[in-house]
Amino acid sequence: MNEKCCQQIPDCCDMRGMLSFFILWLLSKRPLNGQEICEELRRRRGTKPTAGTIYPALRELRKKGLVKMERMGRTTTYTLSDDGKEGLEKACRYFCGAFGEIFQECTKTVCT
């Protein structure tokens, strides 16, 4: 996260609707447990999401076949499935097409 750009989510913009995309993106980097996902979101957003936010999203992603779950003792680890990789790729193409120009402009003017 660019500390200069992203201290807090502005009141005009929230993360609703982006959580699933963000979880898929995180899991594309490495397998994570729910607590690690929460911590990564806290690090990037400035606020830590509750378990009541993260686990329903993970459950829905599992139902859709986008995320796999593996239990080892008391720890549950989530990984991206092949369908999840494909879904993330499609989502990235969509977001780049829909918002790419906006983010490029913001990066040039605000995040420098």
PDB file of N, CA and C in Angstrom:
ATOM      1  N   MET A   1       0.852  -1.183   0.000  1.00  0.00           N
ATOM      2  CA  MET A   1       0.000   0.000   0.000  1.00  0.00           C
ATOM      3  C   MET A   1       0.885   1.229   0.000  1.00  0.00           C
ATOM      4  N   ASN A   2       0.565   2.186  -0.817  1.00  0.00           N
ATOM      5  CA  ASN A   2       1.256   3.463  -0.819  1.00  0.00           C
ATOM      6  C   ASN A   2       0.719   4.261   0.354  1.00  0.00           C
ATOM      7  N   GLU A   3       1.539   4.423   1.385  1.00  0.00           N
ATOM      8  CA  GLU A   3       1.084   5.058   2.626  1.00  0.00           C
ATOM      9  C   GLU A   3       0.581   6.471   2.393  1.00  0.00           C
ATOM     10  N   LYS A   4       1.174   7.179   1.428  1.00  0.00           N
ATOM     11  CA  LYS A   4       0.761   8.551   1.150  1.00  0.00           C
ATOM     12  C   LYS A   4      -0.648   8.606   0.570  1.00  0.00           C
ATOM     13  N   CYS A   5      -1.005   7.611  -0.211  1.00  0.00           N
ATOM     14  CA  CYS A   5      -2.291   7.627  -0.913  1.00  0.00           C
ATOM     15  C   CYS A   5      -3.441   7.092  -0.082  1.00  0.00           C
ATOM     16  N   CYS A   6      -3.201   6.096   0.682  1.00  0.00           N
ATOM     17  CA  CYS A   6      -4.305   5.265   1.167  1.00  0.00           C
ATOM     18  C   CYS A   6      -4.327   5.140   2.679  1.00  0.00           C
ATOM     19  N   GLN A   7      -4.473   6.201   3.400  1.00  0.00           N
ATOM     20  CA  GLN A   7      -4.503   6.131   4.855  1.00  0.00           C
ATOM     21  C   GLN A   7      -5.813   5.538   5.355  1.00  0.00           C
ATOM     22  N   GLN A   8      -6.928   6.020   4.893  1.00  0.00           N
ATOM     23  CA  GLN A   8      -8.254   5.565   5.310  1.00  0.00           C
ATOM     24  C   GLN A   8      -9.164   5.552   4.095  1.00  0.00           C
ATOM     25  N   ILE A   9     -10.159   4.697   4.134  1.00  0.00           N
ATOM     26  CA  ILE A   9     -11.148   4.680   3.063  1.00  0.00           C
ATOM     27  C   ILE A   9     -11.980   5.945   3.194  1.00  0.00           C
ATOM     28  N   PRO A  10     -12.064   6.745   2.129  1.00  0.00           N
ATOM     29  CA  PRO A  10     -12.884   7.958   2.223  1.00  0.00           C
ATOM     30  C   PRO A  10     -14.359   7.608   2.390  1.00  0.00           C
ATOM     31  N   ASP A  11     -15.098   8.507   3.031  1.00  0.00           N
ATOM     32  CA  ASP A  11     -16.529   8.274   3.262  1.00  0.00           C
ATOM     33  C   ASP A  11     -17.298   8.041   1.964  1.00  0.00           C
ATOM     34  N   CYS A  12     -16.833   8.624   0.875  1.00  0.00           N
ATOM     35  CA  CYS A  12     -17.555   8.507  -0.393  1.00  0.00           C
ATOM     36  C   CYS A  12     -17.390   7.131  -1.043  1.00  0.00           C
ATOM     37  N   CYS A  13     -16.413   6.354  -0.593  1.00  0.00           N
ATOM     38  CA  CYS A  13     -16.111   5.075  -1.240  1.00  0.00           C
ATOM     39  C   CYS A  13     -15.880   4.009  -0.178  1.00  0.00           C
ATOM     40  N   ASP A  14     -16.590   2.903  -0.277  1.00  0.00           N
ATOM     41  CA  ASP A  14     -16.338   1.823   0.664  1.00  0.00           C
ATOM     42  C   ASP A  14     -15.920   0.575  -0.099  1.00  0.00           C
ATOM     43  N   MET A  15     -15.683  -0.500   0.624  1.00  0.00           N
ATOM     44  CA  MET A  15     -15.156  -1.721   0.025  1.00  0.00           C
ATOM     45  C   MET A  15     -16.237  -2.731  -0.335  1.00  0.00           C
ATOM     46  N   ARG A  16     -17.508  -2.409  -0.080  1.00  0.00           N
ATOM     47  CA  ARG A  16     -18.555  -3.375  -0.411  1.00  0.00           C
ATOM     48  C   ARG A  16     -18.490  -3.724  -1.890  1.00  0.00           C
ATOM     49  N   GLY A  17     -18.609  -4.981  -2.178  1.00  0.00           N
ATOM     50  CA  GLY A  17     -18.558  -5.430  -3.558  1.00  0.00           C
ATOM     51  C   GLY A  17     -17.157  -5.784  -4.021  1.00  0.00           C
ATOM     52  N   MET A  18     -16.145  -5.361  -3.300  1.00  0.00           N
ATOM     53  CA  MET A  18     -14.767  -5.651  -3.678  1.00  0.00           C
ATOM     54  C   MET A  18     -14.153  -6.754  -2.825  1.00  0.00           C
ATOM     55  N   LEU A  19     -14.824  -7.164  -1.769  1.00  0.00           N
ATOM     56  CA  LEU A  19     -14.242  -8.122  -0.837  1.00  0.00           C
ATOM     57  C   LEU A  19     -13.909  -9.449  -1.515  1.00  0.00           C
ATOM     58  N   SER A  20     -14.823 -10.000  -2.279  1.00  0.00           N
ATOM     59  CA  SER A  20     -14.572 -11.287  -2.937  1.00  0.00           C
ATOM     60  C   SER A  20     -13.403 -11.184  -3.899  1.00  0.00           C
ATOM     61  N   PHE A  21     -13.369 -10.123  -4.677  1.00  0.00           N
ATOM     62  CA  PHE A  21     -12.260  -9.905  -5.608  1.00  0.00           C
ATOM     63  C   PHE A  21     -10.944  -9.824  -4.843  1.00  0.00           C
ATOM     64  N   PHE A  22     -10.936  -9.075  -3.754  1.00  0.00           N
ATOM     65  CA  PHE A  22      -9.718  -8.898  -2.984  1.00  0.00           C
ATOM     66  C   PHE A  22      -9.256 -10.215  -2.359  1.00  0.00           C
ATOM     67  N   ILE A  23     -10.189 -11.013  -1.844  1.00  0.00           N
ATOM     68  CA  ILE A  23      -9.829 -12.315  -1.276  1.00  0.00           C
ATOM     69  C   ILE A  23      -9.235 -13.211  -2.356  1.00  0.00           C
ATOM     70  N   LEU A  24      -9.857 -13.257  -3.522  1.00  0.00           N
ATOM     71  CA  LEU A  24      -9.314 -14.071  -4.612  1.00  0.00           C
ATOM     72  C   LEU A  24      -7.913 -13.608  -4.979  1.00  0.00           C
ATOM     73  N   TRP A  25      -7.720 -12.303  -5.049  1.00  0.00           N
ATOM     74  CA  TRP A  25      -6.398 -11.762  -5.393  1.00  0.00           C
ATOM     75  C   TRP A  25      -5.366 -12.162  -4.339  1.00  0.00           C
ATOM     76  N   LEU A  26      -5.723 -12.033  -3.050  1.00  0.00           N
ATOM     77  CA  LEU A  26      -4.795 -12.433  -1.983  1.00  0.00           C
ATOM     78  C   LEU A  26      -4.433 -13.909  -2.100  1.00  0.00           C
ATOM     79  N   LEU A  27      -5.431 -14.749  -2.340  1.00  0.00           N
ATOM     80  CA  LEU A  27      -5.186 -16.190  -2.419  1.00  0.00           C
ATOM     81  C   LEU A  27      -4.412 -16.574  -3.670  1.00  0.00           C
ATOM     82  N   SER A  28      -4.381 -15.705  -4.666  1.00  0.00           N
ATOM     83  CA  SER A  28      -3.570 -15.983  -5.856  1.00  0.00           C
ATOM     84  C   SER A  28      -2.083 -15.858  -5.533  1.00  0.00           C
ATOM     85  N   LYS A  29      -1.765 -15.161  -4.452  1.00  0.00           N
ATOM     86  CA  LYS A  29      -0.371 -14.971  -4.047  1.00  0.00           C
ATOM     87  C   LYS A  29       0.136 -16.153  -3.223  1.00  0.00           C
ATOM     88  N   ARG A  30      -0.721 -16.653  -2.313  1.00  0.00           N
ATOM     89  CA  ARG A  30      -0.346 -17.788  -1.462  1.00  0.00           C
ATOM     90  C   ARG A  30      -1.561 -18.243  -0.660  1.00  0.00           C
ATOM     91  N   PRO A  31      -1.551 -19.491  -0.187  1.00  0.00           N
ATOM     92  CA  PRO A  31      -2.631 -19.954   0.688  1.00  0.00           C
ATOM     93  C   PRO A  31      -2.631 -19.148   1.991  1.00  0.00           C
ATOM     94  N   LEU A  32      -3.816 -18.864   2.507  1.00  0.00           N
ATOM     95  CA  LEU A  32      -3.961 -18.078   3.735  1.00  0.00           C
ATOM     96  C   LEU A  32      -5.074 -18.643   4.595  1.00  0.00           C
ATOM     97  N   ASN A  33      -4.983 -18.403   5.897  1.00  0.00           N
ATOM     98  CA  ASN A  33      -6.113 -18.718   6.766  1.00  0.00           C
ATOM     99  C   ASN A  33      -6.943 -17.445   6.950  1.00  0.00           C
ATOM    100  N   GLY A  34      -8.097 -17.578   7.576  1.00  0.00           N
ATOM    101  CA  GLY A  34      -9.000 -16.436   7.726  1.00  0.00           C
ATOM    102  C   GLY A  34      -8.380 -15.270   8.467  1.00  0.00           C
ATOM    103  N   GLN A  35      -7.605 -15.569   9.510  1.00  0.00           N
ATOM    104  CA  GLN A  35      -6.954 -14.510  10.285  1.00  0.00           C
ATOM    105  C   GLN A  35      -5.943 -13.754   9.428  1.00  0.00           C
ATOM    106  N   GLU A  36      -5.196 -14.471   8.605  1.00  0.00           N
ATOM    107  CA  GLU A  36      -4.215 -13.819   7.724  1.00  0.00           C
ATOM    108  C   GLU A  36      -4.916 -12.924   6.700  1.00  0.00           C
ATOM    109  N   ILE A  37      -6.053 -13.377   6.199  1.00  0.00           N
ATOM    110  CA  ILE A  37      -6.826 -12.550   5.267  1.00  0.00           C
ATOM    111  C   ILE A  37      -7.287 -11.276   5.970  1.00  0.00           C
ATOM    112  N   CYS A  38      -7.801 -11.418   7.184  1.00  0.00           N
ATOM    113  CA  CYS A  38      -8.233 -10.241   7.965  1.00  0.00           C
ATOM    114  C   CYS A  38      -7.079  -9.273   8.182  1.00  0.00           C
ATOM    115  N   GLU A  39      -5.919  -9.797   8.546  1.00  0.00           N
ATOM    116  CA  GLU A  39      -4.755  -8.937   8.810  1.00  0.00           C
ATOM    117  C   GLU A  39      -4.293  -8.218   7.548  1.00  0.00           C
ATOM    118  N   GLU A  40      -4.320  -8.920   6.433  1.00  0.00           N
ATOM    119  CA  GLU A  40      -3.910  -8.282   5.172  1.00  0.00           C
ATOM    120  C   GLU A  40      -4.882  -7.170   4.796  1.00  0.00           C
ATOM    121  N   LEU A  41      -6.165  -7.408   4.992  1.00  0.00           N
ATOM    122  CA  LEU A  41      -7.156  -6.360   4.739  1.00  0.00           C
ATOM    123  C   LEU A  41      -6.950  -5.173   5.684  1.00  0.00           C
ATOM    124  N   ARG A  42      -6.670  -5.456   6.950  1.00  0.00           N
ATOM    125  CA  ARG A  42      -6.408  -4.385   7.911  1.00  0.00           C
ATOM    126  C   ARG A  42      -5.192  -3.563   7.481  1.00  0.00           C
ATOM    127  N   ARG A  43      -4.152  -4.249   7.057  1.00  0.00           N
ATOM    128  CA  ARG A  43      -2.926  -3.569   6.633  1.00  0.00           C
ATOM    129  C   ARG A  43      -3.189  -2.645   5.440  1.00  0.00           C
ATOM    130  N   ARG A  44      -4.010  -3.083   4.533  1.00  0.00           N
ATOM    131  CA  ARG A  44      -4.264  -2.306   3.319  1.00  0.00           C
ATOM    132  C   ARG A  44      -5.364  -1.266   3.485  1.00  0.00           C
ATOM    133  N   ARG A  45      -6.379  -1.550   4.301  1.00  0.00           N
ATOM    134  CA  ARG A  45      -7.526  -0.642   4.462  1.00  0.00           C
ATOM    135  C   ARG A  45      -7.409   0.283   5.651  1.00  0.00           C
ATOM    136  N   GLY A  46      -6.687  -0.154   6.665  1.00  0.00           N
ATOM    137  CA  GLY A  46      -6.600   0.641   7.880  1.00  0.00           C
ATOM    138  C   GLY A  46      -7.565   0.186   8.956  1.00  0.00           C
ATOM    139  N   THR A  47      -8.545  -0.637   8.595  1.00  0.00           N
ATOM    140  CA  THR A  47      -9.475  -1.203   9.571  1.00  0.00           C
ATOM    141  C   THR A  47      -9.551  -2.709   9.345  1.00  0.00           C
ATOM    142  N   LYS A  48      -9.712  -3.432  10.447  1.00  0.00           N
ATOM    143  CA  LYS A  48      -9.762  -4.891  10.357  1.00  0.00           C
ATOM    144  C   LYS A  48     -11.208  -5.344  10.214  1.00  0.00           C
ATOM    145  N   PRO A  49     -11.497  -6.138   9.186  1.00  0.00           N
ATOM    146  CA  PRO A  49     -12.862  -6.653   9.041  1.00  0.00           C
ATOM    147  C   PRO A  49     -13.153  -7.695  10.120  1.00  0.00           C
ATOM    148  N   THR A  50     -14.403  -7.868  10.418  1.00  0.00           N
ATOM    149  CA  THR A  50     -14.798  -8.858  11.421  1.00  0.00           C
ATOM    150  C   THR A  50     -14.875 -10.245  10.794  1.00  0.00           C
ATOM    151  N   ALA A  51     -14.871 -11.248  11.656  1.00  0.00           N
ATOM    152  CA  ALA A  51     -15.055 -12.623  11.191  1.00  0.00           C
ATOM    153  C   ALA A  51     -16.402 -12.763  10.489  1.00  0.00           C
ATOM    154  N   GLY A  52     -17.392 -11.993  10.936  1.00  0.00           N
ATOM    155  CA  GLY A  52     -18.718 -12.014  10.324  1.00  0.00           C
ATOM    156  C   GLY A  52     -18.746 -11.429   8.925  1.00  0.00           C
ATOM    157  N   THR A  53     -17.670 -10.795   8.527  1.00  0.00           N
ATOM    158  CA  THR A  53     -17.531 -10.289   7.163  1.00  0.00           C
ATOM    159  C   THR A  53     -16.744 -11.272   6.305  1.00  0.00           C
ATOM    160  N   ILE A  54     -15.620 -11.735   6.829  1.00  0.00           N
ATOM    161  CA  ILE A  54     -14.697 -12.568   6.055  1.00  0.00           C
ATOM    162  C   ILE A  54     -15.234 -13.979   5.807  1.00  0.00           C
ATOM    163  N   TYR A  55     -15.690 -14.644   6.861  1.00  0.00           N
ATOM    164  CA  TYR A  55     -16.055 -16.059   6.707  1.00  0.00           C
ATOM    165  C   TYR A  55     -17.286 -16.291   5.830  1.00  0.00           C
ATOM    166  N   PRO A  56     -18.311 -15.453   5.871  1.00  0.00           N
ATOM    167  CA  PRO A  56     -19.396 -15.632   4.900  1.00  0.00           C
ATOM    168  C   PRO A  56     -18.916 -15.449   3.451  1.00  0.00           C
ATOM    169  N   ALA A  57     -17.998 -14.515   3.243  1.00  0.00           N
ATOM    170  CA  ALA A  57     -17.456 -14.316   1.890  1.00  0.00           C
ATOM    171  C   ALA A  57     -16.672 -15.549   1.453  1.00  0.00           C
ATOM    172  N   LEU A  58     -15.856 -16.101   2.347  1.00  0.00           N
ATOM    173  CA  LEU A  58     -15.105 -17.319   2.020  1.00  0.00           C
ATOM    174  C   LEU A  58     -16.050 -18.488   1.758  1.00  0.00           C
ATOM    175  N   ARG A  59     -17.097 -18.599   2.553  1.00  0.00           N
ATOM    176  CA  ARG A  59     -18.086 -19.676   2.368  1.00  0.00           C
ATOM    177  C   ARG A  59     -18.745 -19.562   0.990  1.00  0.00           C
ATOM    178  N   GLU A  60     -19.093 -18.353   0.601  1.00  0.00           N
ATOM    179  CA  GLU A  60     -19.722 -18.136  -0.708  1.00  0.00           C
ATOM    180  C   GLU A  60     -18.745 -18.461  -1.844  1.00  0.00           C
ATOM    181  N   LEU A  61     -17.499 -18.073  -1.690  1.00  0.00           N
ATOM    182  CA  LEU A  61     -16.485 -18.383  -2.705  1.00  0.00           C
ATOM    183  C   LEU A  61     -16.273 -19.895  -2.814  1.00  0.00           C
ATOM    184  N   ARG A  62     -16.338 -20.600  -1.692  1.00  0.00           N
ATOM    185  CA  ARG A  62     -16.247 -22.068  -1.718  1.00  0.00           C
ATOM    186  C   ARG A  62     -17.446 -22.672  -2.435  1.00  0.00           C
ATOM    187  N   LYS A  63     -18.644 -22.170  -2.138  1.00  0.00           N
ATOM    188  CA  LYS A  63     -19.865 -22.684  -2.793  1.00  0.00           C
ATOM    189  C   LYS A  63     -19.780 -22.538  -4.306  1.00  0.00           C
ATOM    190  N   LYS A  64     -19.184 -21.453  -4.749  1.00  0.00           N
ATOM    191  CA  LYS A  64     -19.047 -21.195  -6.185  1.00  0.00           C
ATOM    192  C   LYS A  64     -17.890 -21.977  -6.804  1.00  0.00           C
ATOM    193  N   GLY A  65     -17.117 -22.681  -5.977  1.00  0.00           N
ATOM    194  CA  GLY A  65     -15.997 -23.474  -6.477  1.00  0.00           C
ATOM    195  C   GLY A  65     -14.754 -22.659  -6.778  1.00  0.00           C
ATOM    196  N   LEU A  66     -14.679 -21.445  -6.267  1.00  0.00           N
ATOM    197  CA  LEU A  66     -13.548 -20.562  -6.554  1.00  0.00           C
ATOM    198  C   LEU A  66     -12.415 -20.708  -5.544  1.00  0.00           C
ATOM    199  N   VAL A  67     -12.742 -21.221  -4.369  1.00  0.00           N
ATOM    200  CA  VAL A  67     -11.777 -21.361  -3.279  1.00  0.00           C
ATOM    201  C   VAL A  67     -11.882 -22.771  -2.716  1.00  0.00           C
ATOM    202  N   LYS A  68     -10.729 -23.337  -2.384  1.00  0.00           N
ATOM    203  CA  LYS A  68     -10.684 -24.642  -1.714  1.00  0.00           C
ATOM    204  C   LYS A  68     -10.268 -24.426  -0.261  1.00  0.00           C
ATOM    205  N   MET A  69     -10.737 -25.308   0.597  1.00  0.00           N
ATOM    206  CA  MET A  69     -10.456 -25.214   2.021  1.00  0.00           C
ATOM    207  C   MET A  69      -9.773 -26.498   2.474  1.00  0.00           C
ATOM    208  N   GLU A  70      -8.743 -26.353   3.309  1.00  0.00           N
ATOM    209  CA  GLU A  70      -8.058 -27.519   3.860  1.00  0.00           C
ATOM    210  C   GLU A  70      -7.871 -27.306   5.360  1.00  0.00           C
ATOM    211  N   ARG A  71      -8.294 -28.284   6.136  1.00  0.00           N
ATOM    212  CA  ARG A  71      -8.142 -28.206   7.599  1.00  0.00           C
ATOM    213  C   ARG A  71      -6.921 -29.011   8.021  1.00  0.00           C
ATOM    214  N   MET A  72      -6.096 -28.376   8.841  1.00  0.00           N
ATOM    215  CA  MET A  72      -4.940 -29.052   9.434  1.00  0.00           C
ATOM    216  C   MET A  72      -4.975 -28.721  10.919  1.00  0.00           C
ATOM    217  N   GLY A  73      -5.450 -29.662  11.718  1.00  0.00           N
ATOM    218  CA  GLY A  73      -5.625 -29.391  13.142  1.00  0.00           C
ATOM    219  C   GLY A  73      -6.693 -28.333  13.326  1.00  0.00           C
ATOM    220  N   ARG A  74      -6.335 -27.267  14.036  1.00  0.00           N
ATOM    221  CA  ARG A  74      -7.291 -26.184  14.294  1.00  0.00           C
ATOM    222  C   ARG A  74      -7.243 -25.095  13.229  1.00  0.00           C
ATOM    223  N   THR A  75      -6.319 -25.226  12.281  1.00  0.00           N
ATOM    224  CA  THR A  75      -6.146 -24.186  11.269  1.00  0.00           C
ATOM    225  C   THR A  75      -6.824 -24.592   9.967  1.00  0.00           C
ATOM    226  N   THR A  76      -7.577 -23.666   9.412  1.00  0.00           N
ATOM    227  CA  THR A  76      -8.205 -23.857   8.107  1.00  0.00           C
ATOM    228  C   THR A  76      -7.515 -22.927   7.124  1.00  0.00           C
ATOM    229  N   THR A  77      -6.976 -23.514   6.071  1.00  0.00           N
ATOM    230  CA  THR A  77      -6.266 -22.745   5.055  1.00  0.00           C
ATOM    231  C   THR A  77      -7.087 -22.734   3.776  1.00  0.00           C
ATOM    232  N   TYR A  78      -7.098 -21.588   3.127  1.00  0.00           N
ATOM    233  CA  TYR A  78      -7.845 -21.406   1.884  1.00  0.00           C
ATOM    234  C   TYR A  78      -6.869 -21.221   0.733  1.00  0.00           C
ATOM    235  N   THR A  79      -7.191 -21.850  -0.397  1.00  0.00           N
ATOM    236  CA  THR A  79      -6.391 -21.703  -1.609  1.00  0.00           C
ATOM    237  C   THR A  79      -7.321 -21.419  -2.777  1.00  0.00           C
ATOM    238  N   LEU A  80      -6.753 -20.873  -3.806  1.00  0.00           N
ATOM    239  CA  LEU A  80      -7.506 -20.572  -5.015  1.00  0.00           C
ATOM    240  C   LEU A  80      -7.640 -21.845  -5.845  1.00  0.00           C
ATOM    241  N   SER A  81      -8.835 -22.177  -6.279  1.00  0.00           N
ATOM    242  CA  SER A  81      -9.051 -23.330  -7.159  1.00  0.00           C
ATOM    243  C   SER A  81      -8.731 -22.917  -8.597  1.00  0.00           C
ATOM    244  N   ASP A  82      -8.726 -23.885  -9.498  1.00  0.00           N
ATOM    245  CA  ASP A  82      -8.518 -23.556 -10.914  1.00  0.00           C
ATOM    246  C   ASP A  82      -9.616 -22.620 -11.413  1.00  0.00           C
ATOM    247  N   ASP A  83     -10.863 -22.888 -11.005  1.00  0.00           N
ATOM    248  CA  ASP A  83     -11.962 -21.989 -11.384  1.00  0.00           C
ATOM    249  C   ASP A  83     -11.768 -20.607 -10.773  1.00  0.00           C
ATOM    250  N   GLY A  84     -11.202 -20.555  -9.563  1.00  0.00           N
ATOM    251  CA  GLY A  84     -10.921 -19.276  -8.920  1.00  0.00           C
ATOM    252  C   GLY A  84      -9.868 -18.482  -9.675  1.00  0.00           C
ATOM    253  N   LYS A  85      -8.839 -19.183 -10.172  1.00  0.00           N
ATOM    254  CA  LYS A  85      -7.799 -18.513 -10.970  1.00  0.00           C
ATOM    255  C   LYS A  85      -8.409 -17.933 -12.239  1.00  0.00           C
ATOM    256  N   GLU A  86      -9.250 -18.725 -12.881  1.00  0.00           N
ATOM    257  CA  GLU A  86      -9.917 -18.266 -14.102  1.00  0.00           C
ATOM    258  C   GLU A  86     -10.856 -17.093 -13.803  1.00  0.00           C
ATOM    259  N   GLY A  87     -11.608 -17.205 -12.709  1.00  0.00           N
ATOM    260  CA  GLY A  87     -12.518 -16.125 -12.317  1.00  0.00           C
ATOM    261  C   GLY A  87     -11.778 -14.843 -11.998  1.00  0.00           C
ATOM    262  N   LEU A  88     -10.647 -14.958 -11.304  1.00  0.00           N
ATOM    263  CA  LEU A  88      -9.846 -13.777 -10.976  1.00  0.00           C
ATOM    264  C   LEU A  88      -9.314 -13.123 -12.243  1.00  0.00           C
ATOM    265  N   GLU A  89      -8.861 -13.933 -13.174  1.00  0.00           N
ATOM    266  CA  GLU A  89      -8.362 -13.393 -14.440  1.00  0.00           C
ATOM    267  C   GLU A  89      -9.467 -12.624 -15.175  1.00  0.00           C
ATOM    268  N   LYS A  90     -10.660 -13.198 -15.221  1.00  0.00           N
ATOM    269  CA  LYS A  90     -11.793 -12.517 -15.864  1.00  0.00           C
ATOM    270  C   LYS A  90     -12.138 -11.221 -15.131  1.00  0.00           C
ATOM    271  N   ALA A  91     -12.128 -11.271 -13.795  1.00  0.00           N
ATOM    272  CA  ALA A  91     -12.435 -10.073 -13.004  1.00  0.00           C
ATOM    273  C   ALA A  91     -11.389  -8.990 -13.237  1.00  0.00           C
ATOM    274  N   CYS A  92     -10.123  -9.382 -13.305  1.00  0.00           N
ATOM    275  CA  CYS A  92      -9.056  -8.404 -13.561  1.00  0.00           C
ATOM    276  C   CYS A  92      -9.250  -7.735 -14.919  1.00  0.00           C
ATOM    277  N   ARG A  93      -9.586  -8.534 -15.926  1.00  0.00           N
ATOM    278  CA  ARG A  93      -9.837  -7.948 -17.253  1.00  0.00           C
ATOM    279  C   ARG A  93     -11.009  -6.976 -17.194  1.00  0.00           C
ATOM    280  N   TYR A  94     -12.066  -7.371 -16.481  1.00  0.00           N
ATOM    281  CA  TYR A  94     -13.238  -6.505 -16.356  1.00  0.00           C
ATOM    282  C   TYR A  94     -12.875  -5.191 -15.664  1.00  0.00           C
ATOM    283  N   PHE A  95     -12.216  -5.287 -14.500  1.00  0.00           N
ATOM    284  CA  PHE A  95     -11.886  -4.075 -13.749  1.00  0.00           C
ATOM    285  C   PHE A  95     -10.906  -3.187 -14.502  1.00  0.00           C
ATOM    286  N   CYS A  96      -9.951  -3.788 -15.207  1.00  0.00           N
ATOM    287  CA  CYS A  96      -9.019  -2.979 -16.006  1.00  0.00           C
ATOM    288  C   CYS A  96      -9.767  -2.234 -17.104  1.00  0.00           C
ATOM    289  N   GLY A  97     -10.709  -2.921 -17.744  1.00  0.00           N
ATOM    290  CA  GLY A  97     -11.493  -2.266 -18.786  1.00  0.00           C
ATOM    291  C   GLY A  97     -12.399  -1.183 -18.236  1.00  0.00           C
ATOM    292  N   ALA A  98     -13.021  -1.464 -17.107  1.00  0.00           N
ATOM    293  CA  ALA A  98     -13.980  -0.517 -16.534  1.00  0.00           C
ATOM    294  C   ALA A  98     -13.309   0.647 -15.822  1.00  0.00           C
ATOM    295  N   PHE A  99     -12.194   0.385 -15.141  1.00  0.00           N
ATOM    296  CA  PHE A  99     -11.606   1.408 -14.274  1.00  0.00           C
ATOM    297  C   PHE A  99     -10.142   1.719 -14.559  1.00  0.00           C
ATOM    298  N   GLY A 100      -9.523   1.022 -15.506  1.00  0.00           N
ATOM    299  CA  GLY A 100      -8.092   1.193 -15.760  1.00  0.00           C
ATOM    300  C   GLY A 100      -7.681   2.629 -16.008  1.00  0.00           C
ATOM    301  N   GLU A 101      -8.410   3.308 -16.865  1.00  0.00           N
ATOM    302  CA  GLU A 101      -8.084   4.703 -17.185  1.00  0.00           C
ATOM    303  C   GLU A 101      -8.199   5.591 -15.941  1.00  0.00           C
ATOM    304  N   ILE A 102      -9.204   5.342 -15.142  1.00  0.00           N
ATOM    305  CA  ILE A 102      -9.403   6.125 -13.916  1.00  0.00           C
ATOM    306  C   ILE A 102      -8.226   5.917 -12.971  1.00  0.00           C
ATOM    307  N   PHE A 103      -7.820   4.653 -12.766  1.00  0.00           N
ATOM    308  CA  PHE A 103      -6.718   4.371 -11.846  1.00  0.00           C
ATOM    309  C   PHE A 103      -5.394   4.926 -12.368  1.00  0.00           C
ATOM    310  N   GLN A 104      -5.184   4.871 -13.679  1.00  0.00           N
ATOM    311  CA  GLN A 104      -3.962   5.453 -14.244  1.00  0.00           C
ATOM    312  C   GLN A 104      -3.903   6.946 -13.963  1.00  0.00           C
ATOM    313  N   GLU A 105      -5.016   7.614 -14.173  1.00  0.00           N
ATOM    314  CA  GLU A 105      -5.061   9.052 -13.924  1.00  0.00           C
ATOM    315  C   GLU A 105      -4.854   9.359 -12.442  1.00  0.00           C
ATOM    316  N   CYS A 106      -5.502   8.597 -11.577  1.00  0.00           N
ATOM    317  CA  CYS A 106      -5.328   8.796 -10.129  1.00  0.00           C
ATOM    318  C   CYS A 106      -3.879   8.577  -9.721  1.00  0.00           C
ATOM    319  N   THR A 107      -3.257   7.544 -10.280  1.00  0.00           N
ATOM    320  CA  THR A 107      -1.870   7.252  -9.945  1.00  0.00           C
ATOM    321  C   THR A 107      -0.961   8.413 -10.337  1.00  0.00           C
ATOM    322  N   LYS A 108      -1.214   9.008 -11.483  1.00  0.00           N
ATOM    323  CA  LYS A 108      -0.386  10.128 -11.952  1.00  0.00           C
ATOM    324  C   LYS A 108      -0.594  11.386 -11.121  1.00  0.00           C
ATOM    325  N   THR A 109      -1.829  11.647 -10.729  1.00  0.00           N
ATOM    326  CA  THR A 109      -2.125  12.931 -10.089  1.00  0.00           C
ATOM    327  C   THR A 109      -2.128  12.893  -8.572  1.00  0.00           C
ATOM    328  N   VAL A 110      -2.518  11.781  -7.982  1.00  0.00           N
ATOM    329  CA  VAL A 110      -2.699  11.738  -6.529  1.00  0.00           C
ATOM    330  C   VAL A 110      -1.590  10.965  -5.826  1.00  0.00           C
ATOM    331  N   CYS A 111      -1.156   9.880  -6.400  1.00  0.00           N
ATOM    332  CA  CYS A 111      -0.247   8.960  -5.703  1.00  0.00           C
ATOM    333  C   CYS A 111       1.219   9.215  -6.019  1.00  0.00           C
ATOM    334  N   THR A 112       1.570  10.417  -6.385  1.00  0.00           N
ATOM    335  CA  THR A 112       2.978  10.704  -6.690  1.00  0.00           C
ATOM    336  C   THR A 112       3.620  11.500  -5.595  1.00  0.00           C
TER     337      THR A 112
END
